[in-house]
């Protein structure tokens, strides 16, 4: 996992353990950043739900990942 600042669509900082909502309206638990954004590639995040971890692009949850 990477250290990065993650913000939701409202500009609020998202931390491990916070609830994030996907584009379908389903709630997940934010676990961390798995890939930082680079030119031509989007950031990816780890989330969990019901005991399973999944990796998604940050945009699925309307998250912005700032690597600084």
PDB file of N, CA and C in Angstrom:
ATOM      1  N   UNK A   1       0.837  -1.176   0.000  1.00  0.00           N
ATOM      2  CA  UNK A   1       0.000   0.000   0.000  1.00  0.00           C
ATOM      3  C   UNK A   1       0.883   1.241   0.000  1.00  0.00           C
ATOM      4  N   UNK A   2       0.336   2.289  -0.565  1.00  0.00           N
ATOM      5  CA  UNK A   2       1.073   3.535  -0.706  1.00  0.00           C
ATOM      6  C   UNK A   2       0.521   4.597   0.225  1.00  0.00           C
ATOM      7  N   UNK A   3       1.402   5.521   0.640  1.00  0.00           N
ATOM      8  CA  UNK A   3       0.946   6.686   1.373  1.00  0.00           C
ATOM      9  C   UNK A   3       0.535   7.740   0.365  1.00  0.00           C
ATOM     10  N   UNK A   4      -0.680   8.204   0.467  1.00  0.00           N
ATOM     11  CA  UNK A   4      -1.210   9.214  -0.436  1.00  0.00           C
ATOM     12  C   UNK A   4      -2.395   9.867   0.257  1.00  0.00           C
ATOM     13  N   UNK A   5      -2.746  11.053  -0.195  1.00  0.00           N
ATOM     14  CA  UNK A   5      -3.946  11.713   0.306  1.00  0.00           C
ATOM     15  C   UNK A   5      -5.099  11.328  -0.609  1.00  0.00           C
ATOM     16  N   UNK A   6      -6.159  10.824  -0.010  1.00  0.00           N
ATOM     17  CA  UNK A   6      -7.329  10.405  -0.769  1.00  0.00           C
ATOM     18  C   UNK A   6      -8.502  11.271  -0.327  1.00  0.00           C
ATOM     19  N   UNK A   7      -9.199  11.838  -1.314  1.00  0.00           N
ATOM     20  CA  UNK A   7     -10.371  12.671  -1.016  1.00  0.00           C
ATOM     21  C   UNK A   7     -11.571  12.148  -1.780  1.00  0.00           C
ATOM     22  N   UNK A   8     -12.746  12.324  -1.166  1.00  0.00           N
ATOM     23  CA  UNK A   8     -13.983  11.926  -1.841  1.00  0.00           C
ATOM     24  C   UNK A   8     -14.492  13.076  -2.704  1.00  0.00           C
ATOM     25  N   UNK A   9     -15.621  12.900  -3.335  1.00  0.00           N
ATOM     26  CA  UNK A   9     -16.179  13.903  -4.226  1.00  0.00           C
ATOM     27  C   UNK A   9     -16.535  15.210  -3.548  1.00  0.00           C
ATOM     28  N   UNK A  10     -16.676  15.186  -2.228  1.00  0.00           N
ATOM     29  CA  UNK A  10     -16.994  16.389  -1.465  1.00  0.00           C
ATOM     30  C   UNK A  10     -15.738  17.092  -0.962  1.00  0.00           C
ATOM     31  N   UNK A  11     -14.560  16.531  -1.279  1.00  0.00           N
ATOM     32  CA  UNK A  11     -13.301  17.122  -0.849  1.00  0.00           C
ATOM     33  C   UNK A  11     -12.856  16.721   0.539  1.00  0.00           C
ATOM     34  N   UNK A  12     -13.558  15.786   1.161  1.00  0.00           N
ATOM     35  CA  UNK A  12     -13.198  15.311   2.502  1.00  0.00           C
ATOM     36  C   UNK A  12     -12.142  14.216   2.397  1.00  0.00           C
ATOM     37  N   UNK A  13     -11.170  14.234   3.307  1.00  0.00           N
ATOM     38  CA  UNK A  13     -10.120  13.212   3.317  1.00  0.00           C
ATOM     39  C   UNK A  13     -10.707  11.867   3.739  1.00  0.00           C
ATOM     40  N   UNK A  14     -10.314  10.822   3.021  1.00  0.00           N
ATOM     41  CA  UNK A  14     -10.760   9.460   3.297  1.00  0.00           C
ATOM     42  C   UNK A  14      -9.594   8.702   3.925  1.00  0.00           C
ATOM     43  N   UNK A  15      -9.874   8.026   5.026  1.00  0.00           N
ATOM     44  CA  UNK A  15      -8.851   7.255   5.739  1.00  0.00           C
ATOM     45  C   UNK A  15      -9.267   5.784   5.822  1.00  0.00           C
ATOM     46  N   UNK A  16      -8.291   4.937   6.108  1.00  0.00           N
ATOM     47  CA  UNK A  16      -8.562   3.505   6.268  1.00  0.00           C
ATOM     48  C   UNK A  16      -9.680   3.312   7.283  1.00  0.00           C
ATOM     49  N   UNK A  17     -10.644   2.489   6.921  1.00  0.00           N
ATOM     50  CA  UNK A  17     -11.778   2.216   7.792  1.00  0.00           C
ATOM     51  C   UNK A  17     -13.001   3.064   7.492  1.00  0.00           C
ATOM     52  N   UNK A  18     -12.834   4.114   6.681  1.00  0.00           N
ATOM     53  CA  UNK A  18     -13.976   4.952   6.304  1.00  0.00           C
ATOM     54  C   UNK A  18     -14.852   4.224   5.289  1.00  0.00           C
ATOM     55  N   UNK A  19     -16.127   4.540   5.308  1.00  0.00           N
ATOM     56  CA  UNK A  19     -17.060   3.990   4.330  1.00  0.00           C
ATOM     57  C   UNK A  19     -17.009   4.818   3.059  1.00  0.00           C
ATOM     58  N   UNK A  20     -16.908   4.135   1.929  1.00  0.00           N
ATOM     59  CA  UNK A  20     -16.965   4.790   0.622  1.00  0.00           C
ATOM     60  C   UNK A  20     -18.083   4.121  -0.169  1.00  0.00           C
ATOM     61  N   UNK A  21     -18.732   4.899  -1.030  1.00  0.00           N
ATOM     62  CA  UNK A  21     -19.875   4.404  -1.789  1.00  0.00           C
ATOM     63  C   UNK A  21     -19.528   4.347  -3.265  1.00  0.00           C
ATOM     64  N   UNK A  22     -19.801   3.209  -3.888  1.00  0.00           N
ATOM     65  CA  UNK A  22     -19.494   3.064  -5.312  1.00  0.00           C
ATOM     66  C   UNK A  22     -20.582   3.711  -6.164  1.00  0.00           C
ATOM     67  N   UNK A  23     -20.396   3.686  -7.467  1.00  0.00           N
ATOM     68  CA  UNK A  23     -21.329   4.342  -8.381  1.00  0.00           C
ATOM     69  C   UNK A  23     -22.711   3.687  -8.406  1.00  0.00           C
ATOM     70  N   UNK A  24     -22.813   2.492  -7.857  1.00  0.00           N
ATOM     71  CA  UNK A  24     -24.109   1.811  -7.777  1.00  0.00           C
ATOM     72  C   UNK A  24     -24.843   2.112  -6.472  1.00  0.00           C
ATOM     73  N   UNK A  25     -24.159   2.832  -5.570  1.00  0.00           N
ATOM     74  CA  UNK A  25     -24.761   3.152  -4.281  1.00  0.00           C
ATOM     75  C   UNK A  25     -24.453   2.141  -3.193  1.00  0.00           C
ATOM     76  N   UNK A  26     -23.549   1.202  -3.468  1.00  0.00           N
ATOM     77  CA  UNK A  26     -23.181   0.184  -2.484  1.00  0.00           C
ATOM     78  C   UNK A  26     -22.028   0.691  -1.614  1.00  0.00           C
ATOM     79  N   UNK A  27     -22.114   0.447  -0.313  1.00  0.00           N
ATOM     80  CA  UNK A  27     -21.082   0.889   0.629  1.00  0.00           C
ATOM     81  C   UNK A  27     -19.993  -0.161   0.786  1.00  0.00           C
ATOM     82  N   UNK A  28     -18.752   0.320   0.847  1.00  0.00           N
ATOM     83  CA  UNK A  28     -17.567  -0.504   1.050  1.00  0.00           C
ATOM     84  C   UNK A  28     -16.711   0.156   2.122  1.00  0.00           C
ATOM     85  N   UNK A  29     -15.757  -0.570   2.679  1.00  0.00           N
ATOM     86  CA  UNK A  29     -14.815  -0.020   3.653  1.00  0.00           C
ATOM     87  C   UNK A  29     -13.498   0.235   2.942  1.00  0.00           C
ATOM     88  N   UNK A  30     -13.024   1.475   3.005  1.00  0.00           N
ATOM     89  CA  UNK A  30     -11.758   1.839   2.368  1.00  0.00           C
ATOM     90  C   UNK A  30     -10.602   1.240   3.149  1.00  0.00           C
ATOM     91  N   UNK A  31      -9.688   0.552   2.446  1.00  0.00           N
ATOM     92  CA  UNK A  31      -8.533  -0.089   3.079  1.00  0.00           C
ATOM     93  C   UNK A  31      -7.222   0.619   2.751  1.00  0.00           C
ATOM     94  N   UNK A  32      -7.096   1.176   1.549  1.00  0.00           N
ATOM     95  CA  UNK A  32      -5.857   1.864   1.188  1.00  0.00           C
ATOM     96  C   UNK A  32      -5.689   1.987  -0.317  1.00  0.00           C
ATOM     97  N   UNK A  33      -4.554   2.574  -0.691  1.00  0.00           N
ATOM     98  CA  UNK A  33      -4.216   2.793  -2.098  1.00  0.00           C
ATOM     99  C   UNK A  33      -3.302   1.662  -2.551  1.00  0.00           C
ATOM    100  N   UNK A  34      -3.648   1.019  -3.642  1.00  0.00           N
ATOM    101  CA  UNK A  34      -2.831  -0.090  -4.151  1.00  0.00           C
ATOM    102  C   UNK A  34      -1.968   0.312  -5.342  1.00  0.00           C
ATOM    103  N   UNK A  35      -2.333   1.410  -6.023  1.00  0.00           N
ATOM    104  CA  UNK A  35      -1.534   1.904  -7.154  1.00  0.00           C
ATOM    105  C   UNK A  35      -1.741   3.412  -7.271  1.00  0.00           C
ATOM    106  N   UNK A  36      -0.638   4.137  -7.325  1.00  0.00           N
ATOM    107  CA  UNK A  36      -0.704   5.586  -7.482  1.00  0.00           C
ATOM    108  C   UNK A  36      -0.984   5.953  -8.932  1.00  0.00           C
ATOM    109  N   UNK A  37      -1.577   7.127  -9.140  1.00  0.00           N
ATOM    110  CA  UNK A  37      -1.804   7.545 -10.528  1.00  0.00           C
ATOM    111  C   UNK A  37      -0.487   7.944 -11.191  1.00  0.00           C
ATOM    112  N   UNK A  38      -0.348   7.587 -12.439  1.00  0.00           N
ATOM    113  CA  UNK A  38       0.805   7.982 -13.250  1.00  0.00           C
ATOM    114  C   UNK A  38       0.252   8.387 -14.612  1.00  0.00           C
ATOM    115  N   UNK A  39       1.007   9.130 -15.393  1.00  0.00           N
ATOM    116  CA  UNK A  39       0.488   9.530 -16.705  1.00  0.00           C
ATOM    117  C   UNK A  39      -0.026   8.322 -17.499  1.00  0.00           C
ATOM    118  N   UNK A  40      -1.254   8.406 -17.904  1.00  0.00           N
ATOM    119  CA  UNK A  40      -1.862   7.336 -18.682  1.00  0.00           C
ATOM    120  C   UNK A  40      -2.486   6.219 -17.868  1.00  0.00           C
ATOM    121  N   UNK A  41      -2.335   6.249 -16.530  1.00  0.00           N
ATOM    122  CA  UNK A  41      -2.907   5.203 -15.675  1.00  0.00           C
ATOM    123  C   UNK A  41      -3.565   5.842 -14.458  1.00  0.00           C
ATOM    124  N   UNK A  42      -4.706   5.315 -14.105  1.00  0.00           N
ATOM    125  CA  UNK A  42      -5.459   5.813 -12.959  1.00  0.00           C
ATOM    126  C   UNK A  42      -5.022   5.123 -11.677  1.00  0.00           C
ATOM    127  N   UNK A  43      -5.326   5.765 -10.549  1.00  0.00           N
ATOM    128  CA  UNK A  43      -5.044   5.181  -9.236  1.00  0.00           C
ATOM    129  C   UNK A  43      -6.002   4.027  -8.970  1.00  0.00           C
ATOM    130  N   UNK A  44      -5.549   3.090  -8.146  1.00  0.00           N
ATOM    131  CA  UNK A  44      -6.394   1.979  -7.712  1.00  0.00           C
ATOM    132  C   UNK A  44      -6.431   1.964  -6.187  1.00  0.00           C
ATOM    133  N   UNK A  45      -7.563   1.497  -5.657  1.00  0.00           N
ATOM    134  CA  UNK A  45      -7.731   1.431  -4.207  1.00  0.00           C
ATOM    135  C   UNK A  45      -8.197   0.046  -3.791  1.00  0.00           C
ATOM    136  N   UNK A  46      -7.879  -0.312  -2.542  1.00  0.00           N
ATOM    137  CA  UNK A  46      -8.362  -1.539  -1.936  1.00  0.00           C
ATOM    138  C   UNK A  46      -9.555  -1.201  -1.066  1.00  0.00           C
ATOM    139  N   UNK A  47     -10.608  -1.981  -1.178  1.00  0.00           N
ATOM    140  CA  UNK A  47     -11.785  -1.837  -0.333  1.00  0.00           C
ATOM    141  C   UNK A  47     -12.216  -3.225   0.126  1.00  0.00           C
ATOM    142  N   UNK A  48     -13.021  -3.264   1.176  1.00  0.00           N
ATOM    143  CA  UNK A  48     -13.512  -4.560   1.651  1.00  0.00           C
ATOM    144  C   UNK A  48     -15.015  -4.479   1.893  1.00  0.00           C
ATOM    145  N   UNK A  49     -15.621  -5.652   1.826  1.00  0.00           N
ATOM    146  CA  UNK A  49     -17.045  -5.790   2.098  1.00  0.00           C
ATOM    147  C   UNK A  49     -17.313  -7.236   2.454  1.00  0.00           C
ATOM    148  N   UNK A  50     -17.979  -7.443   3.546  1.00  0.00           N
ATOM    149  CA  UNK A  50     -18.390  -8.787   3.959  1.00  0.00           C
ATOM    150  C   UNK A  50     -17.215  -9.770   4.020  1.00  0.00           C
ATOM    151  N   UNK A  51     -16.074  -9.286   4.506  1.00  0.00           N
ATOM    152  CA  UNK A  51     -14.921 -10.154   4.695  1.00  0.00           C
ATOM    153  C   UNK A  51     -14.028 -10.364   3.492  1.00  0.00           C
ATOM    154  N   UNK A  52     -14.372  -9.780   2.360  1.00  0.00           N
ATOM    155  CA  UNK A  52     -13.511  -9.948   1.186  1.00  0.00           C
ATOM    156  C   UNK A  52     -12.920  -8.608   0.752  1.00  0.00           C
ATOM    157  N   UNK A  53     -11.685  -8.647   0.274  1.00  0.00           N
ATOM    158  CA  UNK A  53     -11.008  -7.452  -0.227  1.00  0.00           C
ATOM    159  C   UNK A  53     -11.053  -7.447  -1.747  1.00  0.00           C
ATOM    160  N   UNK A  54     -11.219  -6.243  -2.300  1.00  0.00           N
ATOM    161  CA  UNK A  54     -11.243  -6.095  -3.756  1.00  0.00           C
ATOM    162  C   UNK A  54     -10.464  -4.851  -4.134  1.00  0.00           C
ATOM    163  N   UNK A  55      -9.963  -4.851  -5.347  1.00  0.00           N
ATOM    164  CA  UNK A  55      -9.237  -3.703  -5.876  1.00  0.00           C
ATOM    165  C   UNK A  55     -10.055  -3.089  -7.010  1.00  0.00           C
ATOM    166  N   UNK A  56     -10.217  -1.766  -6.965  1.00  0.00           N
ATOM    167  CA  UNK A  56     -10.971  -1.045  -7.985  1.00  0.00           C
ATOM    168  C   UNK A  56     -10.222   0.223  -8.364  1.00  0.00           C
ATOM    169  N   UNK A  57     -10.558   0.778  -9.519  1.00  0.00           N
ATOM    170  CA  UNK A  57     -10.081   2.111  -9.846  1.00  0.00           C
ATOM    171  C   UNK A  57     -10.739   3.101  -8.905  1.00  0.00           C
ATOM    172  N   UNK A  58     -10.005   4.131  -8.514  1.00  0.00           N
ATOM    173  CA  UNK A  58     -10.504   5.122  -7.559  1.00  0.00           C
ATOM    174  C   UNK A  58     -11.788   5.786  -8.041  1.00  0.00           C
ATOM    175  N   UNK A  59     -11.945   5.940  -9.348  1.00  0.00           N
ATOM    176  CA  UNK A  59     -13.117   6.611  -9.906  1.00  0.00           C
ATOM    177  C   UNK A  59     -14.419   5.858  -9.613  1.00  0.00           C
ATOM    178  N   UNK A  60     -14.331   4.558  -9.358  1.00  0.00           N
ATOM    179  CA  UNK A  60     -15.524   3.778  -9.037  1.00  0.00           C
ATOM    180  C   UNK A  60     -16.212   4.351  -7.796  1.00  0.00           C
ATOM    181  N   UNK A  61     -15.416   4.944  -6.906  1.00  0.00           N
ATOM    182  CA  UNK A  61     -15.926   5.515  -5.664  1.00  0.00           C
ATOM    183  C   UNK A  61     -15.863   7.046  -5.663  1.00  0.00           C
ATOM    184  N   UNK A  62     -15.587   7.637  -6.822  1.00  0.00           N
ATOM    185  CA  UNK A  62     -15.451   9.081  -6.948  1.00  0.00           C
ATOM    186  C   UNK A  62     -14.360   9.610  -6.009  1.00  0.00           C
ATOM    187  N   UNK A  63     -13.242   8.879  -5.930  1.00  0.00           N
ATOM    188  CA  UNK A  63     -12.114   9.263  -5.086  1.00  0.00           C
ATOM    189  C   UNK A  63     -11.011   9.869  -5.932  1.00  0.00           C
ATOM    190  N   UNK A  64     -10.305  10.831  -5.344  1.00  0.00           N
ATOM    191  CA  UNK A  64      -9.146  11.449  -5.980  1.00  0.00           C
ATOM    192  C   UNK A  64      -7.932  11.097  -5.126  1.00  0.00           C
ATOM    193  N   UNK A  65      -6.915  10.503  -5.745  1.00  0.00           N
ATOM    194  CA  UNK A  65      -5.692  10.097  -5.048  1.00  0.00           C
ATOM    195  C   UNK A  65      -4.575  11.053  -5.407  1.00  0.00           C
ATOM    196  N   UNK A  66      -4.020  11.725  -4.391  1.00  0.00           N
ATOM    197  CA  UNK A  66      -2.902  12.667  -4.568  1.00  0.00           C
ATOM    198  C   UNK A  66      -1.668  12.022  -3.967  1.00  0.00           C
ATOM    199  N   UNK A  67      -0.684  11.668  -4.776  1.00  0.00           N
ATOM    200  CA  UNK A  67       0.491  10.955  -4.259  1.00  0.00           C
ATOM    201  C   UNK A  67       1.417  11.790  -3.380  1.00  0.00           C
ATOM    202  N   UNK A  68       1.214  13.087  -3.275  1.00  0.00           N
ATOM    203  CA  UNK A  68       2.131  13.915  -2.468  1.00  0.00           C
ATOM    204  C   UNK A  68       1.897  13.785  -0.985  1.00  0.00           C
TER     205      UNK A  68
END
